[in-house]
PDB file of N, CA and C in Angstrom:
ATOM      1  N   MET A   1       0.702  -1.340  -0.201  1.00  0.00           N
ATOM      2  CA  MET A   1      -0.250  -0.298   0.028  1.00  0.00           C
ATOM      3  C   MET A   1       1.014   1.150  -0.151  1.00  0.00           C
ATOM      4  N   PRO A   2       1.969   1.444   1.134  1.00  0.00           N
ATOM      5  CA  PRO A   2       2.991   2.584   0.763  1.00  0.00           C
ATOM      6  C   PRO A   2       3.161   2.528  -0.723  1.00  0.00           C
ATOM      7  N   MET A   3       3.620   1.505  -0.938  1.00  0.00           N
ATOM      8  CA  MET A   3       4.333   1.889  -2.181  1.00  0.00           C
ATOM      9  C   MET A   3       3.549   2.128  -3.508  1.00  0.00           C
ATOM     10  N   GLN A   4       2.553   1.886  -2.845  1.00  0.00           N
ATOM     11  CA  GLN A   4       1.214   2.533  -4.338  1.00  0.00           C
ATOM     12  C   GLN A   4       1.310   4.827  -4.250  1.00  0.00           C
ATOM     13  N   LEU A   5       1.643   4.223  -2.989  1.00  0.00           N
ATOM     14  CA  LEU A   5       0.733   5.938  -2.557  1.00  0.00           C
ATOM     15  C   LEU A   5       2.333   7.080  -3.177  1.00  0.00           C
ATOM     16  N   THR A   6       3.543   6.197  -3.241  1.00  0.00           N
ATOM     17  CA  THR A   6       4.770   7.017  -3.059  1.00  0.00           C
ATOM     18  C   THR A   6       4.334   7.376  -4.771  1.00  0.00           C
ATOM     19  N   GLU A   7       4.255   6.442  -5.285  1.00  0.00           N
ATOM     20  CA  GLU A   7       4.274   5.960  -6.970  1.00  0.00           C
ATOM     21  C   GLU A   7       3.037   7.330  -7.608  1.00  0.00           C
ATOM     22  N   HIS A   8       1.915   7.493  -6.455  1.00  0.00           N
ATOM     23  CA  HIS A   8       1.093   8.440  -7.206  1.00  0.00           C
ATOM     24  C   HIS A   8       1.929   9.590  -7.224  1.00  0.00           C
ATOM     25  N   ALA A   9       2.418   9.446  -5.877  1.00  0.00           N
ATOM     26  CA  ALA A   9       2.793  11.230  -5.353  1.00  0.00           C
ATOM     27  C   ALA A   9       4.163  11.725  -6.345  1.00  0.00           C
ATOM     28  N   ASN A  10       4.665  10.572  -7.582  1.00  0.00           N
ATOM     29  CA  ASN A  10       5.590  11.443  -8.404  1.00  0.00           C
ATOM     30  C   ASN A  10       5.325  11.259  -8.976  1.00  0.00           C
ATOM     31  N   GLY A  11       4.779  10.939  -9.682  1.00  0.00           N
ATOM     32  CA  GLY A  11       4.277  10.378 -10.972  1.00  0.00           C
ATOM     33  C   GLY A  11       3.074  11.775 -11.548  1.00  0.00           C
ATOM     34  N   GLN A  12       2.841  11.600 -12.804  1.00  0.00           N
ATOM     35  CA  GLN A  12       1.510  12.410 -13.135  1.00  0.00           C
ATOM     36  C   GLN A  12       0.663  12.773 -12.251  1.00  0.00           C
ATOM     37  N   ASP A  13      -0.071  12.022 -11.749  1.00  0.00           N
ATOM     38  CA  ASP A  13      -0.705  12.062 -11.217  1.00  0.00           C
ATOM     39  C   ASP A  13      -0.910  13.263  -9.321  1.00  0.00           C
ATOM     40  N   SER A  14       0.349  13.221  -9.619  1.00  0.00           N
ATOM     41  CA  SER A  14       0.686  14.288  -8.870  1.00  0.00           C
ATOM     42  C   SER A  14       0.451  15.963  -9.187  1.00  0.00           C
ATOM     43  N   GLN A  15       0.826  15.557 -10.578  1.00  0.00           N
ATOM     44  CA  GLN A  15       0.404  17.418 -11.421  1.00  0.00           C
ATOM     45  C   GLN A  15      -0.805  17.306 -12.032  1.00  0.00           C
ATOM     46  N   ASP A  16      -1.483  16.230 -11.916  1.00  0.00           N
ATOM     47  CA  ASP A  16      -2.549  16.652 -12.655  1.00  0.00           C
ATOM     48  C   ASP A  16      -3.632  16.822 -11.087  1.00  0.00           C
ATOM     49  N   ALA A  17      -3.429  16.591  -9.766  1.00  0.00           N
ATOM     50  CA  ALA A  17      -3.918  16.739  -8.995  1.00  0.00           C
ATOM     51  C   ALA A  17      -3.277  18.265  -8.257  1.00  0.00           C
ATOM     52  N   ARG A  18      -2.473  18.647  -8.346  1.00  0.00           N
ATOM     53  CA  ARG A  18      -1.752  20.718  -8.539  1.00  0.00           C
ATOM     54  C   ARG A  18      -2.861  20.995  -9.889  1.00  0.00           C
ATOM     55  N   ASP A  19      -2.368  20.898 -10.543  1.00  0.00           N
ATOM     56  CA  ASP A  19      -3.654  21.786 -11.964  1.00  0.00           C
ATOM     57  C   ASP A  19      -5.238  21.093 -11.261  1.00  0.00           C
ATOM     58  N   THR A  20      -5.620  21.029 -11.303  1.00  0.00           N
ATOM     59  CA  THR A  20      -7.085  20.589 -10.779  1.00  0.00           C
ATOM     60  C   THR A  20      -7.079  21.816  -9.189  1.00  0.00           C
ATOM     61  N   LEU A  21      -6.613  21.835  -8.163  1.00  0.00           N
ATOM     62  CA  LEU A  21      -6.091  22.218  -7.046  1.00  0.00           C
ATOM     63  C   LEU A  21      -6.143  23.707  -7.334  1.00  0.00           C
ATOM     64  N   PHE A  22      -5.684  23.976  -8.476  1.00  0.00           N
ATOM     65  CA  PHE A  22      -5.396  25.136  -9.155  1.00  0.00           C
ATOM     66  C   PHE A  22      -6.221  25.566  -9.508  1.00  0.00           C
ATOM     67  N   LEU A  23      -6.859  25.205 -10.478  1.00  0.00           N
ATOM     68  CA  LEU A  23      -8.577  25.146 -11.142  1.00  0.00           C
ATOM     69  C   LEU A  23      -9.466  25.875 -10.223  1.00  0.00           C
ATOM     70  N   MET A  24      -9.141  24.850  -8.705  1.00  0.00           N
ATOM     71  CA  MET A  24     -10.765  24.855  -7.965  1.00  0.00           C
ATOM     72  C   MET A  24     -10.391  25.979  -7.107  1.00  0.00           C
ATOM     73  N   GLY A  25      -9.455  26.613  -7.055  1.00  0.00           N
ATOM     74  CA  GLY A  25      -8.768  27.556  -6.428  1.00  0.00           C
ATOM     75  C   GLY A  25      -8.960  29.163  -6.665  1.00  0.00           C
ATOM     76  N   GLY A  26      -8.651  28.868  -8.414  1.00  0.00           N
ATOM     77  CA  GLY A  26      -9.029  29.784  -9.543  1.00  0.00           C
ATOM     78  C   GLY A  26     -10.153  30.434  -9.475  1.00  0.00           C
ATOM     79  N   ALA A  27     -11.423  29.233  -9.557  1.00  0.00           N
ATOM     80  CA  ALA A  27     -12.831  29.549  -9.692  1.00  0.00           C
ATOM     81  C   ALA A  27     -13.145  29.382  -8.006  1.00  0.00           C
ATOM     82  N   ALA A  28     -13.072  29.612  -7.244  1.00  0.00           N
ATOM     83  CA  ALA A  28     -13.502  29.402  -6.270  1.00  0.00           C
ATOM     84  C   ALA A  28     -13.076  31.123  -5.695  1.00  0.00           C
ATOM     85  N   MET A  29     -11.833  32.055  -6.191  1.00  0.00           N
ATOM     86  CA  MET A  29     -11.404  33.179  -5.705  1.00  0.00           C
ATOM     87  C   MET A  29     -12.160  34.257  -6.475  1.00  0.00           C
ATOM     88  N   VAL A  30     -13.063  33.450  -7.863  1.00  0.00           N
ATOM     89  CA  VAL A  30     -13.869  34.326  -8.575  1.00  0.00           C
ATOM     90  C   VAL A  30     -14.879  34.507  -8.238  1.00  0.00           C
ATOM     91  N   VAL A  31     -14.980  33.947  -7.250  1.00  0.00           N
ATOM     92  CA  VAL A  31     -17.139  33.679  -7.317  1.00  0.00           C
ATOM     93  C   VAL A  31     -16.847  34.751  -6.058  1.00  0.00           C
ATOM     94  N   PHE A  32     -15.906  34.192  -4.945  1.00  0.00           N
ATOM     95  CA  PHE A  32     -15.784  35.048  -4.236  1.00  0.00           C
ATOM     96  C   PHE A  32     -15.706  36.747  -3.919  1.00  0.00           C
ATOM     97  N   GLY A  33     -15.237  36.729  -5.624  1.00  0.00           N
ATOM     98  CA  GLY A  33     -14.447  38.076  -6.079  1.00  0.00           C
ATOM     99  C   GLY A  33     -15.574  38.661  -6.730  1.00  0.00           C
ATOM    100  N   ALA A  34     -16.100  38.279  -7.272  1.00  0.00           N
ATOM    101  CA  ALA A  34     -17.669  38.399  -7.687  1.00  0.00           C
ATOM    102  C   ALA A  34     -18.939  38.700  -6.816  1.00  0.00           C
ATOM    103  N   GLY A  35     -18.654  37.394  -5.924  1.00  0.00           N
ATOM    104  CA  GLY A  35     -19.868  38.259  -4.430  1.00  0.00           C
ATOM    105  C   GLY A  35     -19.274  39.527  -3.786  1.00  0.00           C
ATOM    106  N   LEU A  36     -18.303  39.911  -3.555  1.00  0.00           N
ATOM    107  CA  LEU A  36     -17.986  40.783  -3.003  1.00  0.00           C
ATOM    108  C   LEU A  36     -18.357  41.964  -3.508  1.00  0.00           C
ATOM    109  N   ILE A  37     -18.403  41.893  -4.941  1.00  0.00           N
ATOM    110  CA  ILE A  37     -18.040  43.549  -5.904  1.00  0.00           C
ATOM    111  C   ILE A  37     -19.876  43.410  -6.193  1.00  0.00           C
ATOM    112  N   LEU A  38     -20.643  42.311  -6.147  1.00  0.00           N
ATOM    113  CA  LEU A  38     -21.879  42.581  -6.328  1.00  0.00           C
ATOM    114  C   LEU A  38     -22.540  42.345  -4.620  1.00  0.00           C
ATOM    115  N   SER A  39     -22.181  42.207  -3.706  1.00  0.00           N
ATOM    116  CA  SER A  39     -22.522  43.070  -2.698  1.00  0.00           C
ATOM    117  C   SER A  39     -22.437  44.176  -2.079  1.00  0.00           C
ATOM    118  N   THR A  40     -21.782  44.766  -2.504  1.00  0.00           N
ATOM    119  CA  THR A  40     -21.807  46.626  -3.069  1.00  0.00           C
ATOM    120  C   THR A  40     -23.154  47.567  -2.464  1.00  0.00           C
ATOM    121  N   PRO A  41     -23.486  47.969  -2.002  1.00  0.00           N
ATOM    122  CA  PRO A  41     -25.075  48.967  -2.351  1.00  0.00           C
ATOM    123  C   PRO A  41     -24.860  49.598  -3.496  1.00  0.00           C
ATOM    124  N   MET A  42     -23.869  49.906  -4.095  1.00  0.00           N
ATOM    125  CA  MET A  42     -24.051  50.896  -5.435  1.00  0.00           C
ATOM    126  C   MET A  42     -24.154  49.999  -6.124  1.00  0.00           C
ATOM    127  N   VAL A  43     -23.313  49.058  -6.563  1.00  0.00           N
ATOM    128  CA  VAL A  43     -23.778  48.278  -7.332  1.00  0.00           C
ATOM    129  C   VAL A  43     -25.081  47.275  -7.520  1.00  0.00           C
ATOM    130  N   ARG A  44     -25.429  46.995  -6.765  1.00  0.00           N
ATOM    131  CA  ARG A  44     -26.945  46.287  -6.199  1.00  0.00           C
ATOM    132  C   ARG A  44     -27.546  47.672  -6.487  1.00  0.00           C
ATOM    133  N   ARG A  45     -27.373  48.641  -6.585  1.00  0.00           N
ATOM    134  CA  ARG A  45     -28.607  50.235  -7.218  1.00  0.00           C
ATOM    135  C   ARG A  45     -28.842  50.263  -8.956  1.00  0.00           C
ATOM    136  N   LEU A  46     -27.502  49.769  -8.747  1.00  0.00           N
ATOM    137  CA  LEU A  46     -27.085  50.077 -10.856  1.00  0.00           C
ATOM    138  C   LEU A  46     -27.482  48.648 -11.674  1.00  0.00           C
ATOM    139  N   LEU A  47     -27.484  47.822 -10.932  1.00  0.00           N
ATOM    140  CA  LEU A  47     -28.005  47.134 -11.308  1.00  0.00           C
ATOM    141  C   LEU A  47     -29.825  46.204 -11.082  1.00  0.00           C
ATOM    142  N   GLY A  48     -29.936  47.154 -10.081  1.00  0.00           N
ATOM    143  CA  GLY A  48     -31.595  47.244  -9.812  1.00  0.00           C
ATOM    144  C   GLY A  48     -32.511  47.696 -10.963  1.00  0.00           C
ATOM    145  N   GLY A  49     -31.756  47.742 -12.523  1.00  0.00           N
ATOM    146  CA  GLY A  49     -32.763  48.400 -12.847  1.00  0.00           C
ATOM    147  C   GLY A  49     -32.877  48.050 -14.079  1.00  0.00           C
ATOM    148  N   LEU A  50     -31.360  46.990 -13.912  1.00  0.00           N
ATOM    149  CA  LEU A  50     -31.575  46.083 -15.353  1.00  0.00           C
ATOM    150  C   LEU A  50     -32.094  44.967 -15.421  1.00  0.00           C
ATOM    151  N   ASN A  51     -32.611  44.809 -16.795  1.00  0.00           N
ATOM    152  CA  ASN A  51     -33.982  43.686 -16.456  1.00  0.00           C
ATOM    153  C   ASN A  51     -33.107  42.135 -17.578  1.00  0.00           C
ATOM    154  N   ALA A  52     -32.527  41.617 -15.846  1.00  0.00           N
ATOM    155  CA  ALA A  52     -31.415  40.277 -16.585  1.00  0.00           C
ATOM    156  C   ALA A  52     -32.585  39.133 -18.064  1.00  0.00           C
ATOM    157  N   GLY A  53     -33.597  39.126 -17.687  1.00  0.00           N
ATOM    158  CA  GLY A  53     -34.752  38.516 -18.067  1.00  0.00           C
ATOM    159  C   GLY A  53     -34.579  39.004 -19.988  1.00  0.00           C
ATOM    160  N   GLY A  54     -34.265  40.037 -20.447  1.00  0.00           N
ATOM    161  CA  GLY A  54     -34.697  41.122 -21.016  1.00  0.00           C
ATOM    162  C   GLY A  54     -33.484  40.786 -21.955  1.00  0.00           C
ATOM    163  N   LEU A  55     -32.541  40.599 -21.410  1.00  0.00           N
ATOM    164  CA  LEU A  55     -31.265  40.334 -22.402  1.00  0.00           C
ATOM    165  C   LEU A  55     -30.609  39.069 -22.578  1.00  0.00           C
ATOM    166  N   VAL A  56     -31.051  38.375 -21.555  1.00  0.00           N
ATOM    167  CA  VAL A  56     -30.917  36.647 -21.538  1.00  0.00           C
ATOM    168  C   VAL A  56     -32.249  36.222 -23.003  1.00  0.00           C
ATOM    169  N   GLN A  57     -32.890  36.809 -23.066  1.00  0.00           N
ATOM    170  CA  GLN A  57     -34.261  36.714 -24.676  1.00  0.00           C
ATOM    171  C   GLN A  57     -33.114  38.188 -25.977  1.00  0.00           C
ATOM    172  N   ALA A  58     -33.077  38.504 -25.847  1.00  0.00           N
ATOM    173  CA  ALA A  58     -32.078  39.092 -26.771  1.00  0.00           C
ATOM    174  C   ALA A  58     -30.525  38.616 -26.737  1.00  0.00           C
ATOM    175  N   ALA A  59     -30.138  38.381 -25.863  1.00  0.00           N
ATOM    176  CA  ALA A  59     -28.914  36.787 -26.673  1.00  0.00           C
ATOM    177  C   ALA A  59     -29.238  34.731 -27.553  1.00  0.00           C
ATOM    178  N   ILE A  60     -30.227  35.513 -26.236  1.00  0.00           N
ATOM    179  CA  ILE A  60     -30.899  33.782 -27.182  1.00  0.00           C
ATOM    180  C   ILE A  60     -30.445  33.174 -29.238  1.00  0.00           C
ATOM    181  N   PRO A  61     -30.569  34.467 -29.695  1.00  0.00           N
ATOM    182  CA  PRO A  61     -30.745  34.227 -30.728  1.00  0.00           C
ATOM    183  C   PRO A  61     -29.438  34.333 -31.904  1.00  0.00           C
ATOM    184  N   ASP A  62     -28.414  35.228 -30.544  1.00  0.00           N
ATOM    185  CA  ASP A  62     -26.412  35.482 -31.518  1.00  0.00           C
ATOM    186  C   ASP A  62     -26.125  34.073 -31.081  1.00  0.00           C
ATOM    187  N   PHE A  63     -26.742  33.261 -29.901  1.00  0.00           N
ATOM    188  CA  PHE A  63     -25.869  32.147 -29.397  1.00  0.00           C
ATOM    189  C   PHE A  63     -25.910  30.952 -29.927  1.00  0.00           C
ATOM    190  N   GLN A  64     -27.472  31.662 -31.046  1.00  0.00           N
ATOM    191  CA  GLN A  64     -28.276  30.007 -31.386  1.00  0.00           C
ATOM    192  C   GLN A  64     -27.308  30.229 -33.082  1.00  0.00           C
ATOM    193  N   ARG A  65     -27.177  31.645 -33.900  1.00  0.00           N
ATOM    194  CA  ARG A  65     -26.433  31.610 -34.410  1.00  0.00           C
ATOM    195  C   ARG A  65     -24.692  30.894 -34.629  1.00  0.00           C
ATOM    196  N   TYR A  66     -24.496  31.713 -33.232  1.00  0.00           N
ATOM    197  CA  TYR A  66     -23.355  30.740 -32.901  1.00  0.00           C
ATOM    198  C   TYR A  66     -22.689  29.571 -33.111  1.00  0.00           C
ATOM    199  N   MET A  67     -23.932  28.860 -32.725  1.00  0.00           N
ATOM    200  CA  MET A  67     -23.964  27.805 -32.796  1.00  0.00           C
ATOM    201  C   MET A  67     -23.836  26.763 -33.521  1.00  0.00           C
ATOM    202  N   LYS A  68     -24.736  27.614 -34.944  1.00  0.00           N
ATOM    203  CA  LYS A  68     -24.835  27.038 -36.090  1.00  0.00           C
ATOM    204  C   LYS A  68     -23.394  27.290 -36.949  1.00  0.00           C
ATOM    205  N   LEU A  69     -23.027  28.496 -36.574  1.00  0.00           N
ATOM    206  CA  LEU A  69     -21.645  28.331 -37.547  1.00  0.00           C
ATOM    207  C   LEU A  69     -20.628  27.332 -36.866  1.00  0.00           C
ATOM    208  N   ARG A  70     -20.944  26.670 -35.680  1.00  0.00           N
ATOM    209  CA  ARG A  70     -19.789  26.675 -34.639  1.00  0.00           C
ATOM    210  C   ARG A  70     -19.831  25.190 -35.413  1.00  0.00           C
ATOM    211  N   SER A  71     -21.273  24.390 -36.018  1.00  0.00           N
ATOM    212  CA  SER A  71     -20.788  22.828 -36.060  1.00  0.00           C
ATOM    213  C   SER A  71     -20.587  22.778 -37.828  1.00  0.00           C
ATOM    214  N   MET A  72     -20.578  23.803 -38.881  1.00  0.00           N
ATOM    215  CA  MET A  72     -19.998  24.127 -39.914  1.00  0.00           C
ATOM    216  C   MET A  72     -18.574  23.204 -40.652  1.00  0.00           C
TER     217      MET A  72
END
């Protein structure tokens, strides 16, 4: 059993685990930063008048066009 642990710790699995850790840590920092920004009262007031549903509906045709172009 200990031999298997040392093989994984010194091989490619170690690098993969490190890369995954960096990726997840970066994603967590992005989410945390976005939460800090969105919790600011001034930002809330600015985004309060924003119609998110309208933005999504306006973006759907562009997204569908993009998917058609990508499949070519």
